Amino acid sequence: MVDKRYIVIRVAYEPNSVYGRSLGWIAPELKDAGLTLIEEHADECGASRTWAGVVDGATSQRFADAWHLPDEFHEPAAANLAEDGHIARVRRTFDGMNWEVDGESPIVYVSVEIGVIRNRLQLEHARRTSRAGVHGVS
């Protein structure tokens, strides 16, 4: 069984986009997983949103399978595992073509970061990071 994972999804939108801004639209597999919107920006160049949170192993596996993520997202190499309570993680970025509807996409790119949570200290660190609205994981 896959351990709990800490997931961060960053989405950059085209300027003036009016649809595709919900997590359920971008990643339906994570719609009800409890991720929190921790960061949101909007300006004349575009907008971005970041969601983060801890998900159970089954949800993480469904997400990785649906997004055709490589094996390293299922089980990152032991060399990447942190010993100091920080979360080992892997990242991948997708361009907006994955979300095209009728030849257009509101999304410039989506960056996915998945962290392996091995112990209670890492789990508490991930939860504090999500609640504090800190983007990224160190």
N, C-alpha and C. Protein backbone atom coordinates (compact mmCIF):
# COMPACT_ATOMS: atom_id res chain seq x y z
N MET A 1 0.83 -1.18 0.00
CA MET A 1 0.00 0.00 0.00
C MET A 1 0.88 1.25 0.00
N VAL A 2 0.50 2.24 -0.75
CA VAL A 2 1.24 3.49 -0.83
C VAL A 2 1.01 4.29 0.45
N ASP A 3 2.09 4.88 0.97
CA ASP A 3 1.99 5.74 2.15
C ASP A 3 1.24 7.02 1.80
N LYS A 4 0.90 7.79 2.83
CA LYS A 4 0.31 9.10 2.60
C LYS A 4 1.29 9.95 1.81
N ARG A 5 0.74 10.87 1.03
CA ARG A 5 1.55 11.76 0.20
C ARG A 5 1.15 13.20 0.47
N TYR A 6 2.12 14.08 0.35
CA TYR A 6 1.87 15.51 0.40
C TYR A 6 1.88 15.98 -1.05
N ILE A 7 0.77 16.57 -1.51
CA ILE A 7 0.66 16.98 -2.91
C ILE A 7 0.51 18.49 -2.98
N VAL A 8 1.27 19.08 -3.89
CA VAL A 8 1.17 20.50 -4.20
C VAL A 8 0.89 20.62 -5.69
N ILE A 9 -0.15 21.36 -6.05
CA ILE A 9 -0.48 21.60 -7.46
C ILE A 9 -0.50 23.10 -7.68
N ARG A 10 0.38 23.56 -8.58
CA ARG A 10 0.44 24.99 -8.95
C ARG A 10 -0.07 25.12 -10.37
N VAL A 11 -1.00 26.04 -10.58
CA VAL A 11 -1.59 26.23 -11.90
C VAL A 11 -1.42 27.68 -12.32
N ALA A 12 -0.89 27.90 -13.52
CA ALA A 12 -0.79 29.24 -14.11
C ALA A 12 -1.83 29.32 -15.22
N TYR A 13 -2.62 30.38 -15.19
CA TYR A 13 -3.72 30.55 -16.14
C TYR A 13 -3.40 31.61 -17.18
N GLU A 14 -4.03 31.48 -18.33
CA GLU A 14 -3.96 32.51 -19.36
C GLU A 14 -4.64 33.77 -18.83
N PRO A 15 -4.17 34.96 -19.27
CA PRO A 15 -4.85 36.19 -18.85
C PRO A 15 -6.32 36.15 -19.28
N ASN A 16 -7.17 36.66 -18.44
CA ASN A 16 -8.61 36.78 -18.70
C ASN A 16 -9.33 35.44 -18.85
N SER A 17 -8.75 34.35 -18.40
CA SER A 17 -9.46 33.07 -18.47
C SER A 17 -10.60 33.10 -17.44
N VAL A 18 -11.72 32.52 -17.81
CA VAL A 18 -12.88 32.56 -16.93
C VAL A 18 -13.33 31.17 -16.48
N TYR A 19 -12.75 30.13 -17.04
CA TYR A 19 -13.12 28.78 -16.61
C TYR A 19 -11.87 27.99 -16.29
N GLY A 20 -12.06 26.83 -15.69
CA GLY A 20 -10.94 25.95 -15.38
C GLY A 20 -10.19 26.31 -14.13
N ARG A 21 -10.79 27.06 -13.24
CA ARG A 21 -10.06 27.53 -12.06
C ARG A 21 -10.29 26.69 -10.81
N SER A 22 -11.09 25.65 -10.91
CA SER A 22 -11.33 24.81 -9.73
C SER A 22 -10.40 23.60 -9.76
N LEU A 23 -10.07 23.12 -8.59
CA LEU A 23 -9.24 21.92 -8.49
C LEU A 23 -9.97 20.73 -9.11
N GLY A 24 -11.28 20.68 -8.97
CA GLY A 24 -12.06 19.58 -9.55
C GLY A 24 -12.00 19.56 -11.06
N TRP A 25 -11.84 20.71 -11.70
CA TRP A 25 -11.74 20.77 -13.16
C TRP A 25 -10.34 20.34 -13.60
N ILE A 26 -9.34 20.74 -12.84
CA ILE A 26 -7.95 20.45 -13.19
C ILE A 26 -7.57 19.01 -12.86
N ALA A 27 -7.95 18.57 -11.67
CA ALA A 27 -7.60 17.22 -11.19
C ALA A 27 -8.81 16.61 -10.49
N PRO A 28 -9.76 16.08 -11.27
CA PRO A 28 -10.97 15.52 -10.65
C PRO A 28 -10.67 14.45 -9.59
N GLU A 29 -9.54 13.76 -9.74
CA GLU A 29 -9.16 12.71 -8.78
C GLU A 29 -8.91 13.29 -7.39
N LEU A 30 -8.62 14.59 -7.31
CA LEU A 30 -8.30 15.22 -6.03
C LEU A 30 -9.40 16.16 -5.53
N LYS A 31 -10.51 16.19 -6.25
CA LYS A 31 -11.60 17.13 -5.93
C LYS A 31 -12.02 17.06 -4.47
N ASP A 32 -12.18 15.87 -3.94
CA ASP A 32 -12.65 15.69 -2.57
C ASP A 32 -11.55 15.18 -1.63
N ALA A 33 -10.30 15.39 -2.00
CA ALA A 33 -9.18 14.86 -1.22
C ALA A 33 -8.77 15.75 -0.05
N GLY A 34 -9.34 16.94 0.04
CA GLY A 34 -9.01 17.81 1.17
C GLY A 34 -7.85 18.75 0.94
N LEU A 35 -7.41 18.92 -0.31
CA LEU A 35 -6.37 19.89 -0.57
C LEU A 35 -6.93 21.29 -0.32
N THR A 36 -6.07 22.20 0.11
CA THR A 36 -6.45 23.56 0.45
C THR A 36 -5.84 24.53 -0.54
N LEU A 37 -6.62 25.52 -0.97
CA LEU A 37 -6.09 26.60 -1.80
C LEU A 37 -5.22 27.45 -0.89
N ILE A 38 -3.89 27.42 -1.11
CA ILE A 38 -2.98 28.12 -0.20
C ILE A 38 -2.41 29.40 -0.79
N GLU A 39 -2.58 29.58 -2.10
CA GLU A 39 -2.01 30.77 -2.73
C GLU A 39 -2.80 31.09 -3.99
N GLU A 40 -3.07 32.39 -4.19
CA GLU A 40 -3.78 32.82 -5.38
C GLU A 40 -3.25 34.19 -5.78
N HIS A 41 -2.93 34.34 -7.07
CA HIS A 41 -2.43 35.61 -7.60
C HIS A 41 -3.18 35.94 -8.88
N ALA A 42 -3.38 37.22 -9.12
CA ALA A 42 -3.98 37.67 -10.36
C ALA A 42 -3.39 39.04 -10.71
N ASP A 43 -3.00 39.18 -11.97
CA ASP A 43 -2.54 40.47 -12.47
C ASP A 43 -2.77 40.52 -13.97
N GLU A 44 -2.31 41.56 -14.62
CA GLU A 44 -2.56 41.72 -16.05
C GLU A 44 -1.87 40.65 -16.91
N CYS A 45 -0.88 39.99 -16.38
CA CYS A 45 -0.17 38.96 -17.14
C CYS A 45 -0.81 37.58 -17.02
N GLY A 46 -1.68 37.42 -16.07
CA GLY A 46 -2.30 36.12 -15.86
C GLY A 46 -2.61 35.90 -14.39
N ALA A 47 -2.95 34.69 -14.07
CA ALA A 47 -3.30 34.35 -12.69
C ALA A 47 -2.68 33.00 -12.36
N SER A 48 -2.61 32.72 -11.07
CA SER A 48 -2.13 31.41 -10.64
C SER A 48 -2.82 31.03 -9.34
N ARG A 49 -2.90 29.74 -9.12
CA ARG A 49 -3.45 29.18 -7.89
C ARG A 49 -2.58 28.00 -7.47
N THR A 50 -2.47 27.82 -6.15
CA THR A 50 -1.73 26.69 -5.61
C THR A 50 -2.58 26.00 -4.55
N TRP A 51 -2.73 24.70 -4.71
CA TRP A 51 -3.42 23.87 -3.72
C TRP A 51 -2.39 22.93 -3.11
N ALA A 52 -2.58 22.58 -1.82
CA ALA A 52 -1.67 21.65 -1.16
C ALA A 52 -2.40 20.90 -0.06
N GLY A 53 -1.89 19.72 0.25
CA GLY A 53 -2.44 18.94 1.34
C GLY A 53 -1.95 17.52 1.36
N VAL A 54 -2.31 16.82 2.40
CA VAL A 54 -1.94 15.42 2.59
C VAL A 54 -3.11 14.57 2.10
N VAL A 55 -2.80 13.55 1.29
CA VAL A 55 -3.82 12.64 0.80
C VAL A 55 -3.44 11.21 1.17
N ASP A 56 -4.45 10.36 1.25
CA ASP A 56 -4.19 8.96 1.60
C ASP A 56 -3.56 8.25 0.41
N GLY A 57 -3.03 7.07 0.67
CA GLY A 57 -2.33 6.30 -0.35
C GLY A 57 -3.19 5.94 -1.54
N ALA A 58 -4.44 5.56 -1.30
CA ALA A 58 -5.32 5.16 -2.41
C ALA A 58 -5.61 6.34 -3.33
N THR A 59 -5.85 7.52 -2.75
CA THR A 59 -6.10 8.72 -3.56
C THR A 59 -4.86 9.10 -4.34
N SER A 60 -3.72 9.03 -3.69
CA SER A 60 -2.45 9.33 -4.36
C SER A 60 -2.23 8.39 -5.54
N GLN A 61 -2.52 7.13 -5.35
CA GLN A 61 -2.34 6.13 -6.42
C GLN A 61 -3.29 6.41 -7.59
N ARG A 62 -4.57 6.71 -7.29
CA ARG A 62 -5.53 7.05 -8.37
C ARG A 62 -5.07 8.27 -9.16
N PHE A 63 -4.60 9.28 -8.44
CA PHE A 63 -4.11 10.50 -9.08
C PHE A 63 -2.91 10.19 -9.98
N ALA A 64 -1.94 9.47 -9.45
CA ALA A 64 -0.74 9.13 -10.23
C ALA A 64 -1.09 8.30 -11.46
N ASP A 65 -2.01 7.36 -11.31
CA ASP A 65 -2.43 6.54 -12.45
C ASP A 65 -3.16 7.37 -13.50
N ALA A 66 -4.10 8.21 -13.07
CA ALA A 66 -4.87 9.03 -14.01
C ALA A 66 -3.99 10.01 -14.77
N TRP A 67 -2.95 10.52 -14.12
CA TRP A 67 -2.06 11.48 -14.76
C TRP A 67 -0.86 10.80 -15.42
N HIS A 68 -0.83 9.47 -15.41
CA HIS A 68 0.25 8.70 -16.02
C HIS A 68 1.62 9.15 -15.51
N LEU A 69 1.70 9.31 -14.18
CA LEU A 69 2.96 9.74 -13.57
C LEU A 69 3.92 8.56 -13.52
N PRO A 70 5.20 8.82 -13.70
CA PRO A 70 6.18 7.73 -13.68
C PRO A 70 6.29 7.10 -12.29
N ASP A 71 6.94 5.94 -12.25
CA ASP A 71 7.07 5.19 -11.00
C ASP A 71 7.67 6.00 -9.87
N GLU A 72 8.54 6.95 -10.18
CA GLU A 72 9.16 7.74 -9.11
C GLU A 72 8.12 8.50 -8.29
N PHE A 73 6.94 8.76 -8.86
CA PHE A 73 5.88 9.40 -8.09
C PHE A 73 5.21 8.42 -7.15
N HIS A 74 5.26 7.14 -7.49
CA HIS A 74 4.69 6.12 -6.61
C HIS A 74 5.64 5.84 -5.44
N GLU A 75 6.93 5.78 -5.73
CA GLU A 75 7.92 5.45 -4.71
C GLU A 75 9.26 6.08 -5.07
N PRO A 76 9.48 7.33 -4.66
CA PRO A 76 10.75 7.99 -4.97
C PRO A 76 11.94 7.19 -4.46
N ALA A 77 13.05 7.34 -5.14
CA ALA A 77 14.27 6.60 -4.80
C ALA A 77 14.69 6.88 -3.36
N ALA A 78 15.25 5.88 -2.73
CA ALA A 78 15.68 6.01 -1.34
C ALA A 78 16.65 7.17 -1.16
N ALA A 79 17.44 7.48 -2.18
CA ALA A 79 18.40 8.57 -2.09
C ALA A 79 17.70 9.92 -1.89
N ASN A 80 16.42 10.02 -2.28
CA ASN A 80 15.69 11.27 -2.14
C ASN A 80 15.02 11.42 -0.78
N LEU A 81 15.04 10.38 0.03
CA LEU A 81 14.33 10.44 1.30
C LEU A 81 15.12 11.25 2.32
N ALA A 82 14.46 12.20 2.93
CA ALA A 82 15.11 13.07 3.90
C ALA A 82 15.07 12.41 5.28
N GLU A 83 16.12 12.59 6.02
CA GLU A 83 16.21 12.02 7.36
C GLU A 83 15.85 13.04 8.44
N ASP A 84 15.72 14.31 8.09
CA ASP A 84 15.57 15.37 9.08
C ASP A 84 14.13 15.82 9.28
N GLY A 85 13.16 15.02 8.88
CA GLY A 85 11.77 15.39 9.05
C GLY A 85 11.19 16.12 7.86
N HIS A 86 12.04 16.53 6.92
CA HIS A 86 11.53 17.14 5.70
C HIS A 86 11.03 16.05 4.77
N ILE A 87 10.24 16.45 3.81
CA ILE A 87 9.59 15.49 2.94
C ILE A 87 10.36 15.34 1.63
N ALA A 88 10.72 14.12 1.28
CA ALA A 88 11.32 13.86 -0.02
C ALA A 88 10.24 14.05 -1.07
N ARG A 89 10.59 14.63 -2.23
CA ARG A 89 9.56 14.92 -3.22
C ARG A 89 10.07 14.80 -4.64
N VAL A 90 9.12 14.66 -5.54
CA VAL A 90 9.40 14.65 -6.96
C VAL A 90 8.44 15.64 -7.61
N ARG A 91 8.85 16.22 -8.75
CA ARG A 91 8.05 17.23 -9.43
C ARG A 91 7.94 16.93 -10.91
N ARG A 92 6.83 17.41 -11.49
CA ARG A 92 6.64 17.34 -12.93
C ARG A 92 5.76 18.52 -13.34
N THR A 93 6.02 19.06 -14.54
CA THR A 93 5.23 20.16 -15.06
C THR A 93 4.58 19.74 -16.37
N PHE A 94 3.31 20.08 -16.51
CA PHE A 94 2.53 19.78 -17.71
C PHE A 94 2.15 21.09 -18.37
N ASP A 95 2.16 21.12 -19.70
CA ASP A 95 1.71 22.34 -20.36
C ASP A 95 0.19 22.33 -20.50
N GLY A 96 -0.37 23.47 -20.86
CA GLY A 96 -1.81 23.63 -20.90
C GLY A 96 -2.54 22.80 -21.93
N MET A 97 -1.81 22.20 -22.87
CA MET A 97 -2.48 21.40 -23.90
C MET A 97 -3.24 20.23 -23.30
N ASN A 98 -2.85 19.78 -22.14
CA ASN A 98 -3.54 18.67 -21.49
C ASN A 98 -4.97 19.03 -21.08
N TRP A 99 -5.29 20.31 -21.05
CA TRP A 99 -6.60 20.78 -20.63
C TRP A 99 -7.35 21.51 -21.75
N GLU A 100 -6.97 21.25 -22.99
CA GLU A 100 -7.61 21.92 -24.13
C GLU A 100 -9.06 21.51 -24.28
N VAL A 101 -9.90 22.51 -24.56
CA VAL A 101 -11.30 22.30 -24.88
C VAL A 101 -11.58 23.13 -26.13
N ASP A 102 -12.02 22.48 -27.21
CA ASP A 102 -12.28 23.17 -28.47
C ASP A 102 -11.07 23.98 -28.95
N GLY A 103 -9.89 23.41 -28.78
CA GLY A 103 -8.67 24.05 -29.28
C GLY A 103 -8.11 25.15 -28.40
N GLU A 104 -8.72 25.39 -27.25
CA GLU A 104 -8.23 26.42 -26.33
C GLU A 104 -8.11 25.86 -24.93
N SER A 105 -7.20 26.45 -24.17
CA SER A 105 -7.02 26.04 -22.79
C SER A 105 -6.85 27.28 -21.92
N PRO A 106 -7.50 27.31 -20.76
CA PRO A 106 -7.30 28.44 -19.84
C PRO A 106 -5.97 28.33 -19.09
N ILE A 107 -5.29 27.20 -19.25
CA ILE A 107 -4.11 26.90 -18.44
C ILE A 107 -2.83 27.04 -19.25
N VAL A 108 -1.86 27.72 -18.67
CA VAL A 108 -0.53 27.83 -19.26
C VAL A 108 0.27 26.57 -18.89
N TYR A 109 0.31 26.24 -17.59
CA TYR A 109 0.97 25.02 -17.14
C TYR A 109 0.43 24.62 -15.77
N VAL A 110 0.67 23.35 -15.44
CA VAL A 110 0.36 22.82 -14.11
C VAL A 110 1.63 22.12 -13.61
N SER A 111 2.05 22.49 -12.42
CA SER A 111 3.20 21.86 -11.79
C SER A 111 2.70 21.00 -10.64
N VAL A 112 3.13 19.74 -10.62
CA VAL A 112 2.72 18.80 -9.58
C VAL A 112 3.95 18.41 -8.78
N GLU A 113 3.80 18.46 -7.47
CA GLU A 113 4.87 18.03 -6.57
C GLU A 113 4.26 17.03 -5.61
N ILE A 114 4.87 15.86 -5.52
CA ILE A 114 4.37 14.83 -4.60
C ILE A 114 5.48 14.47 -3.63
N GLY A 115 5.16 14.55 -2.35
CA GLY A 115 6.13 14.23 -1.31
C GLY A 115 5.77 12.95 -0.61
N VAL A 116 6.79 12.19 -0.29
CA VAL A 116 6.63 10.95 0.46
C VAL A 116 6.64 11.28 1.95
N ILE A 117 5.65 10.78 2.66
CA ILE A 117 5.58 10.99 4.10
C ILE A 117 5.87 9.65 4.77
N ARG A 118 6.99 9.57 5.45
CA ARG A 118 7.44 8.31 6.04
C ARG A 118 7.16 8.20 7.53
N ASN A 119 7.01 9.33 8.22
CA ASN A 119 6.85 9.24 9.67
C ASN A 119 5.96 10.36 10.18
N ARG A 120 5.64 10.29 11.45
CA ARG A 120 4.72 11.26 12.07
C ARG A 120 5.28 12.68 11.98
N LEU A 121 6.59 12.87 12.16
CA LEU A 121 7.20 14.20 12.08
C LEU A 121 6.97 14.81 10.70
N GLN A 122 7.16 14.02 9.65
CA GLN A 122 6.93 14.50 8.29
C GLN A 122 5.45 14.83 8.06
N LEU A 123 4.56 14.01 8.60
CA LEU A 123 3.13 14.25 8.45
C LEU A 123 2.74 15.57 9.14
N GLU A 124 3.22 15.78 10.34
CA GLU A 124 2.90 17.02 11.05
C GLU A 124 3.49 18.24 10.32
N HIS A 125 4.69 18.10 9.79
CA HIS A 125 5.31 19.20 9.02
C HIS A 125 4.45 19.53 7.80
N ALA A 126 3.97 18.52 7.10
CA ALA A 126 3.14 18.74 5.92
C ALA A 126 1.83 19.42 6.29
N ARG A 127 1.22 19.00 7.37
CA ARG A 127 -0.05 19.61 7.79
C ARG A 127 0.14 21.06 8.21
N ARG A 128 1.22 21.35 8.95
CA ARG A 128 1.49 22.73 9.35
C ARG A 128 1.74 23.60 8.13
N THR A 129 2.49 23.07 7.17
CA THR A 129 2.80 23.82 5.95
C THR A 129 1.52 24.16 5.20
N SER A 130 0.60 23.21 5.09
CA SER A 130 -0.66 23.45 4.39
C SER A 130 -1.50 24.48 5.12
N ARG A 131 -1.61 24.35 6.42
CA ARG A 131 -2.45 25.27 7.19
C ARG A 131 -1.86 26.68 7.19
N ALA A 132 -0.55 26.78 7.19
CA ALA A 132 0.09 28.10 7.25
C ALA A 132 0.05 28.81 5.91
N GLY A 133 -0.30 28.11 4.86
CA GLY A 133 -0.34 28.74 3.54
C GLY A 133 1.05 28.94 2.95
N VAL A 134 2.00 28.17 3.43
CA VAL A 134 3.36 28.26 2.90
C VAL A 134 3.41 27.49 1.60
N HIS A 135 3.83 28.12 0.52
CA HIS A 135 3.87 27.40 -0.75
C HIS A 135 5.18 26.63 -0.86
N GLY A 136 5.04 25.45 -1.39
CA GLY A 136 6.20 24.58 -1.55
C GLY A 136 6.48 23.83 -0.26
N VAL A 137 7.41 22.94 -0.34
CA VAL A 137 7.79 22.12 0.79
C VAL A 137 9.29 22.13 0.85
N SER A 138 9.84 22.31 2.04
CA SER A 138 11.30 22.30 2.13
C SER A 138 11.76 21.12 2.93
